[in-house]
C-alpha atoms as a PDB file:
ATOM      1  CA  MET A   1     -31.741  57.493  78.185  1.00  0.00           C
ATOM      2  CA  SER A   2     -32.492  58.691  81.725  1.00  0.00           C
ATOM      3  CA  GLY A   3     -29.340  60.850  81.727  1.00  0.00           C
ATOM      4  CA  LEU A   4     -30.244  62.679  78.482  1.00  0.00           C
ATOM      5  CA  THR A   5     -31.884  66.017  78.433  1.00  0.00           C
ATOM      6  CA  PRO A   6     -35.049  66.590  76.367  1.00  0.00           C
ATOM      7  CA  ILE A   7     -33.038  68.613  73.844  1.00  0.00           C
ATOM      8  CA  GLU A   8     -30.580  65.723  73.321  1.00  0.00           C
ATOM      9  CA  ILE A   9     -33.415  63.244  72.949  1.00  0.00           C
ATOM     10  CA  PHE A  10     -35.065  65.521  70.378  1.00  0.00           C
ATOM     11  CA  ALA A  11     -31.764  65.841  68.486  1.00  0.00           C
ATOM     12  CA  ILE A  12     -31.309  62.032  68.353  1.00  0.00           C
ATOM     13  CA  VAL A  13     -34.868  61.498  67.111  1.00  0.00           C
ATOM     14  CA  LEU A  14     -34.385  64.212  64.492  1.00  0.00           C
ATOM     15  CA  VAL A  15     -31.147  62.589  63.253  1.00  0.00           C
ATOM     16  CA  VAL A  16     -32.873  59.197  62.997  1.00  0.00           C
ATOM     17  CA  ILE A  17     -35.749  60.723  61.044  1.00  0.00           C
ATOM     18  CA  LEU A  18     -33.376  62.558  58.712  1.00  0.00           C
ATOM     19  CA  CYS A  19     -31.401  59.341  58.065  1.00  0.00           C
ATOM     20  CA  ALA A  20     -34.611  57.469  57.247  1.00  0.00           C
ATOM     21  CA  VAL A  21     -35.756  60.241  54.892  1.00  0.00           C
ATOM     22  CA  MET A  22     -32.374  60.345  53.124  1.00  0.00           C
ATOM     23  CA  ALA A  23     -32.383  56.540  52.756  1.00  0.00           C
ATOM     24  CA  GLY A  24     -35.869  56.684  51.234  1.00  0.00           C
ATOM     25  CA  VAL A  25     -34.893  59.472  48.818  1.00  0.00           C
ATOM     26  CA  GLY A  26     -31.736  57.596  47.839  1.00  0.00           C
ATOM     27  CA  LEU A  27     -33.755  54.437  47.155  1.00  0.00           C
ATOM     28  CA  LEU A  28     -36.209  56.361  44.991  1.00  0.00           C
ATOM     29  CA  LEU A  29     -33.353  57.961  43.040  1.00  0.00           C
ATOM     30  CA  LEU A  30     -31.717  54.576  42.517  1.00  0.00           C
ATOM     31  CA  GLN A  31     -34.948  53.076  41.200  1.00  0.00           C
ATOM     32  CA  GLY A  32     -35.402  56.040  38.863  1.00  0.00           C
ATOM     33  CA  LEU A  33     -31.865  55.667  37.521  1.00  0.00           C
ATOM     34  CA  ARG A  34     -32.409  51.952  36.917  1.00  0.00           C
ATOM     35  CA  ARG A  35     -35.627  52.634  35.014  1.00  0.00           C
ATOM     36  CA  ARG A  36     -33.857  55.280  32.923  1.00  0.00           C
ATOM     37  CA  ARG A  37     -30.984  52.855  32.226  1.00  0.00           C
ATOM     38  CA  ASP A  38     -33.394  50.166  31.040  1.00  0.00           C
ATOM     39  CA  GLN A  39     -35.203  52.733  28.878  1.00  0.00           C
ATOM     40  CA  LEU A  40     -31.945  53.869  27.239  1.00  0.00           C
ATOM     41  CA  ARG A  41     -30.892  50.277  26.636  1.00  0.00           C
ATOM     42  CA  GLY A  42     -34.209  49.559  24.941  1.00  0.00           C
ATOM     43  CA  GLU A  43     -33.914  52.638  22.737  1.00  0.00           C
ATOM     44  CA  LEU A  44     -30.334  51.839  21.746  1.00  0.00           C
ATOM     45  CA  SER A  45     -31.017  48.168  21.021  1.00  0.00           C
ATOM     46  CA  GLY A  46     -33.885  49.144  18.714  1.00  0.00           C
ATOM     47  CA  LYS A  47     -31.858  51.538  16.553  1.00  0.00           C
ATOM     48  CA  PRO A  48     -30.883  50.299  13.056  1.00  0.00           C
ATOM     49  CA  GLU A  49     -27.249  51.225  13.715  1.00  0.00           C
ATOM     50  CA  ALA A  50     -27.088  48.968  16.770  1.00  0.00           C
ATOM     51  CA  ILE A  51     -28.867  46.122  14.965  1.00  0.00           C
ATOM     52  CA  GLY A  52     -26.501  46.503  12.009  1.00  0.00           C
ATOM     53  CA  ASP A  53     -23.455  46.429  14.292  1.00  0.00           C
ATOM     54  CA  ARG A  54     -24.681  43.222  15.943  1.00  0.00           C
ATOM     55  CA  ALA A  55     -25.250  41.580  12.547  1.00  0.00           C
ATOM     56  CA  PHE A  56     -21.859  42.725  11.205  1.00  0.00           C
ATOM     57  CA  ASN A  57     -20.004  41.423  14.269  1.00  0.00           C
ATOM     58  CA  ARG A  58     -21.830  38.098  14.127  1.00  0.00           C
ATOM     59  CA  ILE A  59     -20.949  37.645  10.428  1.00  0.00           C
ATOM     60  CA  ALA A  60     -17.305  38.592  11.032  1.00  0.00           C
ATOM     61  CA  MET A  61     -17.014  36.135  13.926  1.00  0.00           C
ATOM     62  CA  ALA A  62     -18.613  33.345  11.888  1.00  0.00           C
ATOM     63  CA  ARG A  63     -16.239  34.009   8.975  1.00  0.00           C
ATOM     64  CA  ARG A  64     -13.196  33.853  11.293  1.00  0.00           C
ATOM     65  CA  GLU A  65     -14.453  30.617  12.870  1.00  0.00           C
ATOM     66  CA  ALA A  66     -14.898  29.079   9.415  1.00  0.00           C
ATOM     67  CA  ASP A  67     -11.394  30.131   8.338  1.00  0.00           C
ATOM     68  CA  LEU A  68      -9.924  28.684  11.545  1.00  0.00           C
ATOM     69  CA  LEU A  69     -11.677  25.344  11.125  1.00  0.00           C
ATOM     70  CA  ALA A  70     -10.733  25.206   7.442  1.00  0.00           C
ATOM     71  CA  SER A  71      -7.064  25.778   8.341  1.00  0.00           C
ATOM     72  CA  GLN A  72      -7.340  22.791  10.690  1.00  0.00           C
ATOM     73  CA  GLY A  73      -8.576  20.546   7.883  1.00  0.00           C
ATOM     74  CA  ALA A  74     -12.314  20.635   8.648  1.00  0.00           C
ATOM     75  CA  GLU A  75     -14.866  20.863   5.858  1.00  0.00           C
ATOM     76  CA  VAL A  76     -17.417  23.614   6.433  1.00  0.00           C
ATOM     77  CA  PRO A  77     -19.274  24.088   3.113  1.00  0.00           C
ATOM     78  CA  ARG A  78     -22.685  24.549   4.730  1.00  0.00           C
ATOM     79  CA  ALA A  79     -21.350  27.188   7.126  1.00  0.00           C
ATOM     80  CA  ARG A  80     -19.723  29.150   4.278  1.00  0.00           C
ATOM     81  CA  GLU A  81     -23.001  28.982   2.357  1.00  0.00           C
ATOM     82  CA  LEU A  82     -24.850  30.448   5.342  1.00  0.00           C
ATOM     83  CA  ILE A  83     -22.187  33.146   5.782  1.00  0.00           C
ATOM     84  CA  GLY A  84     -22.658  34.140   2.136  1.00  0.00           C
ATOM     85  CA  GLU A  85     -26.428  34.368   2.591  1.00  0.00           C
ATOM     86  CA  ALA A  86     -25.966  36.412   5.775  1.00  0.00           C
ATOM     87  CA  GLN A  87     -23.598  38.809   3.976  1.00  0.00           C
ATOM     88  CA  ALA A  88     -26.115  39.218   1.134  1.00  0.00           C
ATOM     89  CA  ALA A  89     -28.876  40.002   3.657  1.00  0.00           C
ATOM     90  CA  PHE A  90     -26.572  42.475   5.431  1.00  0.00           C
ATOM     91  CA  ASP A  91     -25.721  44.218   2.163  1.00  0.00           C
ATOM     92  CA  GLY A  92     -29.470  44.510   1.542  1.00  0.00           C
ATOM     93  CA  ARG A  93     -29.853  46.131   5.007  1.00  0.00           C
ATOM     94  CA  GLN A  94     -31.892  43.193   6.331  1.00  0.00           C
ATOM     95  CA  PHE A  95     -29.960  43.233   9.593  1.00  0.00           C
ATOM     96  CA  ASP A  96     -32.269  40.996  11.640  1.00  0.00           C
ATOM     97  CA  ARG A  97     -32.242  38.286   9.004  1.00  0.00           C
ATOM     98  CA  ALA A  98     -28.470  38.641   8.562  1.00  0.00           C
ATOM     99  CA  TYR A  99     -27.945  38.127  12.292  1.00  0.00           C
ATOM    100  CA  GLU A 100     -30.188  35.047  12.374  1.00  0.00           C
ATOM    101  CA  ILE A 101     -28.429  33.433   9.394  1.00  0.00           C
ATOM    102  CA  ALA A 102     -24.984  34.241  10.828  1.00  0.00           C
ATOM    103  CA  GLN A 103     -26.063  32.709  14.145  1.00  0.00           C
ATOM    104  CA  SER A 104     -27.111  29.553  12.265  1.00  0.00           C
ATOM    105  CA  ALA A 105     -23.671  29.502  10.616  1.00  0.00           C
ATOM    106  CA  HIS A 106     -22.066  29.803  14.070  1.00  0.00           C
ATOM    107  CA  GLU A 107     -24.105  26.859  15.368  1.00  0.00           C
ATOM    108  CA  THR A 108     -23.115  24.823  12.295  1.00  0.00           C
ATOM    109  CA  LEU A 109     -19.458  25.594  12.974  1.00  0.00           C
ATOM    110  CA  VAL A 110     -19.822  24.588  16.630  1.00  0.00           C
ATOM    111  CA  ALA A 111     -21.250  21.241  15.529  1.00  0.00           C
ATOM    112  CA  ALA A 112     -18.392  20.819  13.035  1.00  0.00           C
ATOM    113  CA  ARG A 113     -15.843  21.604  15.756  1.00  0.00           C
ATOM    114  CA  GLN A 114     -17.314  18.955  18.040  1.00  0.00           C
ATOM    115  CA  ARG A 115     -17.424  16.359  15.258  1.00  0.00           C
ATOM    116  CA  PRO A 116     -14.386  14.013  15.423  1.00  0.00           C
ATOM    117  CA  PRO A 117     -12.175  14.064  12.305  1.00  0.00           C
ATOM    118  CA  SER A 118     -12.801  11.061  10.065  1.00  0.00           C
ATOM    119  CA  ALA A 119      -9.239  10.991   8.711  1.00  0.00           C
ATOM    120  CA  SER A 120      -7.557  10.087  11.982  1.00  0.00           C
ATOM    121  CA  ARG A 121      -8.586   6.611  13.150  1.00  0.00           C
ATOM    122  CA  PRO A 122      -7.191   4.963  16.307  1.00  0.00           C
ATOM    123  CA  ILE A 123      -5.240   1.726  16.171  1.00  0.00           C
ATOM    124  CA  ALA A 124      -7.258  -1.120  17.640  1.00  0.00           C
ATOM    125  CA  PRO A 125      -5.380  -3.828  19.585  1.00  0.00           C
ATOM    126  CA  ALA A 126      -5.545  -7.352  18.161  1.00  0.00           C
ATOM    127  CA  ALA A 127      -6.370 -10.412  20.236  1.00  0.00           C
ATOM    128  CA  SER A 128      -2.792 -11.721  20.041  1.00  0.00           C
ATOM    129  CA  GLY A 129      -1.334  -8.563  21.587  1.00  0.00           C
ATOM    130  CA  GLU A 130      -0.264  -7.115  18.250  1.00  0.00           C
ATOM    131  CA  THR A 131      -1.668  -3.900  16.882  1.00  0.00           C
ATOM    132  CA  ARG A 132      -3.723  -3.569  13.789  1.00  0.00           C
ATOM    133  CA  GLU A 133      -5.505  -0.714  12.076  1.00  0.00           C
ATOM    134  CA  ALA A 134      -9.138  -0.099  12.831  1.00  0.00           C
ATOM    135  CA  PRO A 135     -11.721  -0.514  10.071  1.00  0.00           C
ATOM    136  CA  PRO A 136     -11.642   2.317   7.524  1.00  0.00           C
ATOM    137  CA  ALA A 137     -13.868   5.281   8.134  1.00  0.00           C
ATOM    138  CA  PRO A 138     -16.973   5.684   6.020  1.00  0.00           C
ATOM    139  CA  GLY A 139     -16.226   7.724   2.934  1.00  0.00           C
ATOM    140  CA  SER A 140     -12.484   6.895   2.905  1.00  0.00           C
ATOM    141  CA  ALA A 141     -10.690   5.469  -0.097  1.00  0.00           C
ATOM    142  CA  THR A 142     -10.579   1.941   1.385  1.00  0.00           C
ATOM    143  CA  ALA A 143     -14.157   1.892   2.661  1.00  0.00           C
ATOM    144  CA  PRO A 144     -16.810  -0.065   0.721  1.00  0.00           C
ATOM    145  CA  PRO A 145     -18.837   2.020  -1.749  1.00  0.00           C
ATOM    146  CA  GLU A 146     -22.057   1.668   0.209  1.00  0.00           C
ATOM    147  CA  ALA A 147     -20.424   3.288   3.287  1.00  0.00           C
ATOM    148  CA  ALA A 148     -19.409   6.465   1.448  1.00  0.00           C
ATOM    149  CA  ALA A 149     -21.126   9.572   2.759  1.00  0.00           C
ATOM    150  CA  PRO A 150     -23.230  11.549   0.275  1.00  0.00           C
ATOM    151  CA  PRO A 151     -21.572  14.742  -0.972  1.00  0.00           C
ATOM    152  CA  ALA A 152     -22.613  17.982   0.717  1.00  0.00           C
ATOM    153  CA  PRO A 153     -24.987  20.169  -1.293  1.00  0.00           C
ATOM    154  CA  LYS A 154     -23.201  22.977  -3.124  1.00  0.00           C
ATOM    155  CA  LEU A 155     -24.580  26.471  -3.559  1.00  0.00           C
ATOM    156  CA  PRO A 156     -25.036  27.282  -7.284  1.00  0.00           C
ATOM    157  CA  ALA A 157     -22.341  29.584  -8.627  1.00  0.00           C
ATOM    158  CA  HIS A 158     -23.211  33.310  -8.677  1.00  0.00           C
ATOM    159  CA  ARG A 159     -26.669  32.770  -7.164  1.00  0.00           C
ATOM    160  CA  ALA A 160     -26.047  34.914  -4.066  1.00  0.00           C
ATOM    161  CA  GLU A 161     -24.375  37.682  -6.089  1.00  0.00           C
ATOM    162  CA  SER A 162     -27.177  37.903  -8.656  1.00  0.00           C
ATOM    163  CA  GLN A 163     -29.836  37.852  -5.926  1.00  0.00           C
ATOM    164  CA  PHE A 164     -28.035  40.690  -4.138  1.00  0.00           C
ATOM    165  CA  GLN A 165     -27.821  42.795  -7.313  1.00  0.00           C
ATOM    166  CA  LEU A 166     -31.519  42.192  -8.029  1.00  0.00           C
ATOM    167  CA  ARG A 167     -32.399  43.501  -4.582  1.00  0.00           C
ATOM    168  CA  LEU A 168     -30.250  46.606  -5.123  1.00  0.00           C
ATOM    169  CA  LEU A 169     -31.854  47.118  -8.542  1.00  0.00           C
ATOM    170  CA  GLU A 170     -35.284  47.182  -6.884  1.00  0.00           C
ATOM    171  CA  GLU A 171     -34.100  49.912  -4.496  1.00  0.00           C
ATOM    172  CA  ASP A 172     -32.532  51.935  -7.332  1.00  0.00           C
ATOM    173  CA  LEU A 173     -35.739  51.615  -9.375  1.00  0.00           C
ATOM    174  CA  ALA A 174     -37.867  52.800  -6.458  1.00  0.00           C
ATOM    175  CA  ARG A 175     -35.735  55.934  -6.130  1.00  0.00           C
ATOM    176  CA  ALA A 176     -35.698  56.531  -9.891  1.00  0.00           C
ATOM    177  CA  GLN A 177     -39.482  56.175 -10.234  1.00  0.00           C
ATOM    178  CA  SER A 178     -40.074  58.660  -7.420  1.00  0.00           C
ATOM    179  CA  ASP A 179     -37.792  61.244  -9.072  1.00  0.00           C
ATOM    180  CA  ARG A 180     -38.216  60.614 -12.810  1.00  0.00           C
ATOM    181  CA  ALA A 181     -40.868  57.982 -13.421  1.00  0.00           C
ATOM    182  CA  ASN A 182     -41.349  58.694 -17.164  1.00  0.00           C
ATOM    183  CA  ASP A 183     -37.675  59.078 -18.013  1.00  0.00           C
ATOM    184  CA  GLY A 184     -36.341  56.800 -20.756  1.00  0.00           C
ATOM    185  CA  ARG A 185     -33.547  55.429 -18.597  1.00  0.00           C
ATOM    186  CA  THR A 186     -36.001  54.544 -15.840  1.00  0.00           C
ATOM    187  CA  LEU A 187     -38.204  52.654 -18.298  1.00  0.00           C
ATOM    188  CA  ARG A 188     -35.196  50.755 -19.667  1.00  0.00           C
ATOM    189  CA  ALA A 189     -34.079  49.909 -16.138  1.00  0.00           C
ATOM    190  CA  LYS A 190     -37.555  48.550 -15.369  1.00  0.00           C
ATOM    191  CA  ALA A 191     -37.456  46.335 -18.477  1.00  0.00           C
ATOM    192  CA  LEU A 192     -33.986  45.085 -17.559  1.00  0.00           C
ATOM    193  CA  SER A 193     -35.234  44.280 -14.055  1.00  0.00           C
ATOM    194  CA  VAL A 194     -37.924  42.022 -15.519  1.00  0.00           C
ATOM    195  CA  GLN A 195     -35.393  40.301 -17.803  1.00  0.00           C
ATOM    196  CA  ALA A 196     -32.938  39.818 -14.946  1.00  0.00           C
ATOM    197  CA  GLN A 197     -35.629  38.259 -12.732  1.00  0.00           C
ATOM    198  CA  GLN A 198     -36.617  35.913 -15.557  1.00  0.00           C
ATOM    199  CA  ALA A 199     -32.977  34.837 -15.981  1.00  0.00           C
ATOM    200  CA  PHE A 200     -32.728  34.244 -12.231  1.00  0.00           C
ATOM    201  CA  ASP A 201     -35.914  32.143 -12.253  1.00  0.00           C
ATOM    202  CA  ARG A 202     -34.481  29.887 -14.954  1.00  0.00           C
ATOM    203  CA  SER A 203     -31.234  29.527 -12.934  1.00  0.00           C
ATOM    204  CA  ASP A 204     -29.119  31.531 -15.399  1.00  0.00           C
ATOM    205  CA  TYR A 205     -27.442  33.422 -12.541  1.00  0.00           C
ATOM    206  CA  ALA A 206     -24.568  34.873 -14.583  1.00  0.00           C
ATOM    207  CA  GLU A 207     -27.013  36.437 -17.050  1.00  0.00           C
ATOM    208  CA  ALA A 208     -29.174  37.692 -14.185  1.00  0.00           C
ATOM    209  CA  PHE A 209     -26.076  39.266 -12.624  1.00  0.00           C
ATOM    210  CA  ARG A 210     -25.178  41.022 -15.907  1.00  0.00           C
ATOM    211  CA  LEU A 211     -28.705  42.313 -16.567  1.00  0.00           C
ATOM    212  CA  ALA A 212     -29.116  43.519 -12.983  1.00  0.00           C
ATOM    213  CA  LEU A 213     -25.878  45.512 -13.178  1.00  0.00           C
ATOM    214  CA  LYS A 214     -26.957  47.018 -16.493  1.00  0.00           C
ATOM    215  CA  GLY A 215     -30.344  47.927 -15.029  1.00  0.00           C
ATOM    216  CA  ARG A 216     -28.730  49.588 -11.999  1.00  0.00           C
ATOM    217  CA  ARG A 217     -26.611  51.737 -14.287  1.00  0.00           C
ATOM    218  CA  GLU A 218     -29.723  52.813 -16.225  1.00  0.00           C
ATOM    219  CA  ALA A 219     -31.518  53.603 -12.958  1.00  0.00           C
ATOM    220  CA  GLY A 220     -28.610  55.779 -11.825  1.00  0.00           C
ATOM    221  CA  GLY A 221     -27.451  53.515  -9.005  1.00  0.00           C
ATOM    222  CA  ALA A 222     -23.908  53.674  -7.638  1.00  0.00           C
ATOM    223  CA  VAL A 223     -22.531  50.439  -9.119  1.00  0.00           C
ATOM    224  CA  GLU A 224     -19.291  49.305  -7.489  1.00  0.00           C
ATOM    225  CA  THR A 225     -18.123  45.991  -8.877  1.00  0.00           C
ATOM    226  CA  LEU A 226     -14.767  44.382  -9.433  1.00  0.00           C
ATOM    227  CA  ALA A 227     -13.484  44.162 -12.975  1.00  0.00           C
ATOM    228  CA  PRO A 228     -13.260  40.572 -14.285  1.00  0.00           C
ATOM    229  CA  PRO A 229      -9.738  39.197 -14.689  1.00  0.00           C
ATOM    230  CA  PRO A 230      -8.426  38.816 -18.241  1.00  0.00           C
ATOM    231  CA  THR A 231      -9.266  35.536 -19.925  1.00  0.00           C
ATOM    232  CA  ARG A 232      -6.720  33.349 -21.595  1.00  0.00           C
ATOM    233  CA  PRO A 233      -6.846  33.719 -25.417  1.00  0.00           C
ATOM    234  CA  LYS A 234      -7.121  30.545 -27.421  1.00  0.00           C
ATOM    235  CA  GLY A 235      -3.719  29.097 -28.173  1.00  0.00           C
ATOM    236  CA  ALA A 236      -1.831  31.588 -26.014  1.00  0.00           C
ATOM    237  CA  GLY A 237      -0.571  31.609 -22.457  1.00  0.00           C
ATOM    238  CA  GLY A 238      -1.642  34.035 -19.836  1.00  0.00           C
ATOM    239  CA  PRO A 239      -3.687  34.254 -16.688  1.00  0.00           C
ATOM    240  CA  GLY A 240      -6.747  32.073 -16.566  1.00  0.00           C
ATOM    241  CA  PRO A 241     -10.278  32.928 -15.499  1.00  0.00           C
ATOM    242  CA  ALA A 242     -11.248  33.698 -11.938  1.00  0.00           C
ATOM    243  CA  ALA A 243     -11.295  30.910  -9.426  1.00  0.00           C
ATOM    244  CA  GLY A 244     -14.636  29.097  -9.491  1.00  0.00           C
ATOM    245  CA  ALA A 245     -15.525  30.214 -13.044  1.00  0.00           C
ATOM    246  CA  PRO A 246     -15.751  27.501 -15.742  1.00  0.00           C
ATOM    247  CA  GLU A 247     -13.571  27.453 -18.811  1.00  0.00           C
ATOM    248  CA  GLY A 248     -14.894  29.746 -21.523  1.00  0.00           C
ATOM    249  CA  ALA A 249     -17.134  31.634 -19.094  1.00  0.00           C
ATOM    250  CA  SER A 250     -18.602  34.976 -20.147  1.00  0.00           C
ATOM    251  CA  ASP A 251     -17.501  38.336 -18.786  1.00  0.00           C
ATOM    252  CA  ALA A 252     -20.555  38.446 -16.525  1.00  0.00           C
ATOM    253  CA  ALA A 253     -19.746  35.036 -15.052  1.00  0.00           C
ATOM    254  CA  LEU A 254     -16.130  36.076 -14.492  1.00  0.00           C
ATOM    255  CA  ALA A 255     -17.239  39.292 -12.798  1.00  0.00           C
ATOM    256  CA  ALA A 256     -19.606  37.386 -10.520  1.00  0.00           C
ATOM    257  CA  ALA A 257     -16.872  34.889  -9.633  1.00  0.00           C
ATOM    258  CA  ALA A 258     -14.448  37.714  -8.876  1.00  0.00           C
ATOM    259  CA  VAL A 259     -16.945  39.379  -6.539  1.00  0.00           C
ATOM    260  CA  ALA A 260     -17.728  36.070  -4.812  1.00  0.00           C
ATOM    261  CA  SER A 261     -14.074  35.147  -4.199  1.00  0.00           C
ATOM    262  CA  ALA A 262     -12.805  38.638  -3.266  1.00  0.00           C
ATOM    263  CA  ASP A 263     -11.760  39.645   0.211  1.00  0.00           C
ATOM    264  CA  ARG A 264     -14.144  41.960   2.041  1.00  0.00           C
ATOM    265  CA  CYS A 265     -13.563  45.108   4.057  1.00  0.00           C
ATOM    266  CA  PRO A 266     -13.717  44.346   7.805  1.00  0.00           C
ATOM    267  CA  ASP A 267     -15.633  47.600   8.379  1.00  0.00           C
ATOM    268  CA  CYS A 268     -18.369  47.627   5.701  1.00  0.00           C
ATOM    269  CA  GLY A 269     -18.043  44.231   3.947  1.00  0.00           C
ATOM    270  CA  HIS A 270     -17.369  45.716   0.488  1.00  0.00           C
ATOM    271  CA  PRO A 271     -15.342  43.490  -1.928  1.00  0.00           C
ATOM    272  CA  MET A 272     -11.619  44.356  -2.226  1.00  0.00           C
ATOM    273  CA  THR A 273      -9.021  43.282  -4.762  1.00  0.00           C
ATOM    274  CA  ALA A 274      -5.520  42.142  -3.852  1.00  0.00           C
ATOM    275  CA  GLY A 275      -3.976  45.469  -4.905  1.00  0.00           C
ATOM    276  CA  ASP A 276      -6.396  47.756  -3.062  1.00  0.00           C
ATOM    277  CA  ALA A 277      -4.815  49.875  -0.339  1.00  0.00           C
ATOM    278  CA  PHE A 278      -8.169  51.401   0.689  1.00  0.00           C
ATOM    279  CA  CYS A 279     -11.734  50.060   0.778  1.00  0.00           C
ATOM    280  CA  ARG A 280     -13.818  51.040  -2.245  1.00  0.00           C
ATOM    281  CA  GLY A 281     -16.940  51.281  -0.102  1.00  0.00           C
ATOM    282  CA  CYS A 282     -15.879  53.277   2.993  1.00  0.00           C
ATOM    283  CA  GLY A 283     -12.268  54.329   2.352  1.00  0.00           C
ATOM    284  CA  THR A 284     -10.824  52.425   5.312  1.00  0.00           C
ATOM    285  CA  PRO A 285      -7.121  51.536   4.847  1.00  0.00           C
ATOM    286  CA  ARG A 286      -6.637  47.864   4.044  1.00  0.00           C
ATOM    287  CA  LYS A 287      -3.784  47.555   6.554  1.00  0.00           C
ATOM    288  CA  GLY A 288      -4.135  49.442   9.791  1.00  0.00           C
ATOM    289  CA  ALA A 289      -1.577  51.314  11.825  1.00  0.00           C
ATOM    290  CA  THR A 290       0.512  49.917  14.637  1.00  0.00           C
ATOM    291  CA  CYS A 291      -0.237  49.694  18.343  1.00  0.00           C
ATOM    292  CA  ALA A 292       0.795  52.841  20.211  1.00  0.00           C
ATOM    293  CA  GLN A 293       1.928  50.785  23.204  1.00  0.00           C
ATOM    294  CA  CYS A 294       4.114  48.042  21.690  1.00  0.00           C
ATOM    295  CA  GLY A 295       4.279  48.788  17.931  1.00  0.00           C
ATOM    296  CA  ALA A 296       2.553  45.555  16.831  1.00  0.00           C
ATOM    297  CA  GLU A 297       0.625  45.638  13.530  1.00  0.00           C
ATOM    298  CA  ARG A 298      -3.153  46.014  13.757  1.00  0.00           C
ATOM    299  CA  THR A 299      -6.080  45.907  11.318  1.00  0.00           C
ATOM    300  CA  PRO A 300      -9.102  48.232  11.198  1.00  0.00           C
ATOM    301  CA  ALA A 301     -11.274  45.448  12.706  1.00  0.00           C
ATOM    302  CA  ASP A 302      -9.074  45.017  15.810  1.00  0.00           C
ATOM    303  CA  THR A 303     -10.428  46.352  19.106  1.00  0.00           C
ATOM    304  CA  PHE A 304      -7.477  45.252  21.270  1.00  0.00           C
ATOM    305  CA  CYS A 305      -3.797  44.668  20.545  1.00  0.00           C
ATOM    306  CA  GLY A 306      -2.920  41.002  20.072  1.00  0.00           C
ATOM    307  CA  ARG A 307       0.523  41.423  21.687  1.00  0.00           C
ATOM    308  CA  CYS A 308       0.005  43.672  24.730  1.00  0.00           C
ATOM    309  CA  GLY A 309      -3.795  43.861  25.042  1.00  0.00           C
ATOM    310  CA  ALA A 310      -3.995  47.660  24.674  1.00  0.00           C
ATOM    311  CA  SER A 311      -7.420  49.003  23.691  1.00  0.00           C
ATOM    312  CA  PHE A 312      -7.791  50.745  20.328  1.00  0.00           C
ATOM    313  CA  ALA A 313     -11.082  52.415  21.295  1.00  0.00           C
END
């Protein structure tokens, strides 16, 4: 430093001060950007659209996990019951509850995946060096009756569908009463709502489903249901009732069974029949286009190509 002139020393000190000031300003800007990022994340996570997307993705993932385990021979009735309840909550725009129920279904599927299959039993070695079969698994055909596992509880037929339609009827009635409270159709829809709730309380879910649909039509709601399949006439051949509907079931029961067993749109979850080329709820094509990179088929729910990994965003 002894060989530097006062001007050079002043210049060095000034550069050091400027560097310190710039570092301080940069640190303040970085902290401000981080606070703004956290604020934007909080605002986005609280929007209904973001909550609905999280619930929809969770339900779709749980449904795919259940289908995969079922194709491997696992029994997942409880998980499918939870997925149905989550879908009903999602259709009723209860996104938080739908996400929680779908998460419970995911945890049930994880437990089912970790559970060893009861059908495949190892061969236990005998004392003489020969092999013999291990004792039968509980619940198998050769097991003693007292070792049989109790059957899994089954969700009553059409319960979820009728509950969903009752919730939609309440929303349609609220809109109708605000617009035309004293209209004759509104009054009839209100009476049908009471009758449908009474049928639901006495576990007549098919009748509750029919009355709720009728009430929604009177209230002016946009009713989108699947037509029931034709029943087999007595003494004649022909297609039978929908899967899951009992013999001789009414049209309302057949309609509820058709809605329960139908495929759903991967975008909005609306029921779709086998012949639909577009979704009845959002208009999304049933079968998507092909990947622009490799030409592999894709569906509207795909985010990446399954063959080459290209992004569809």
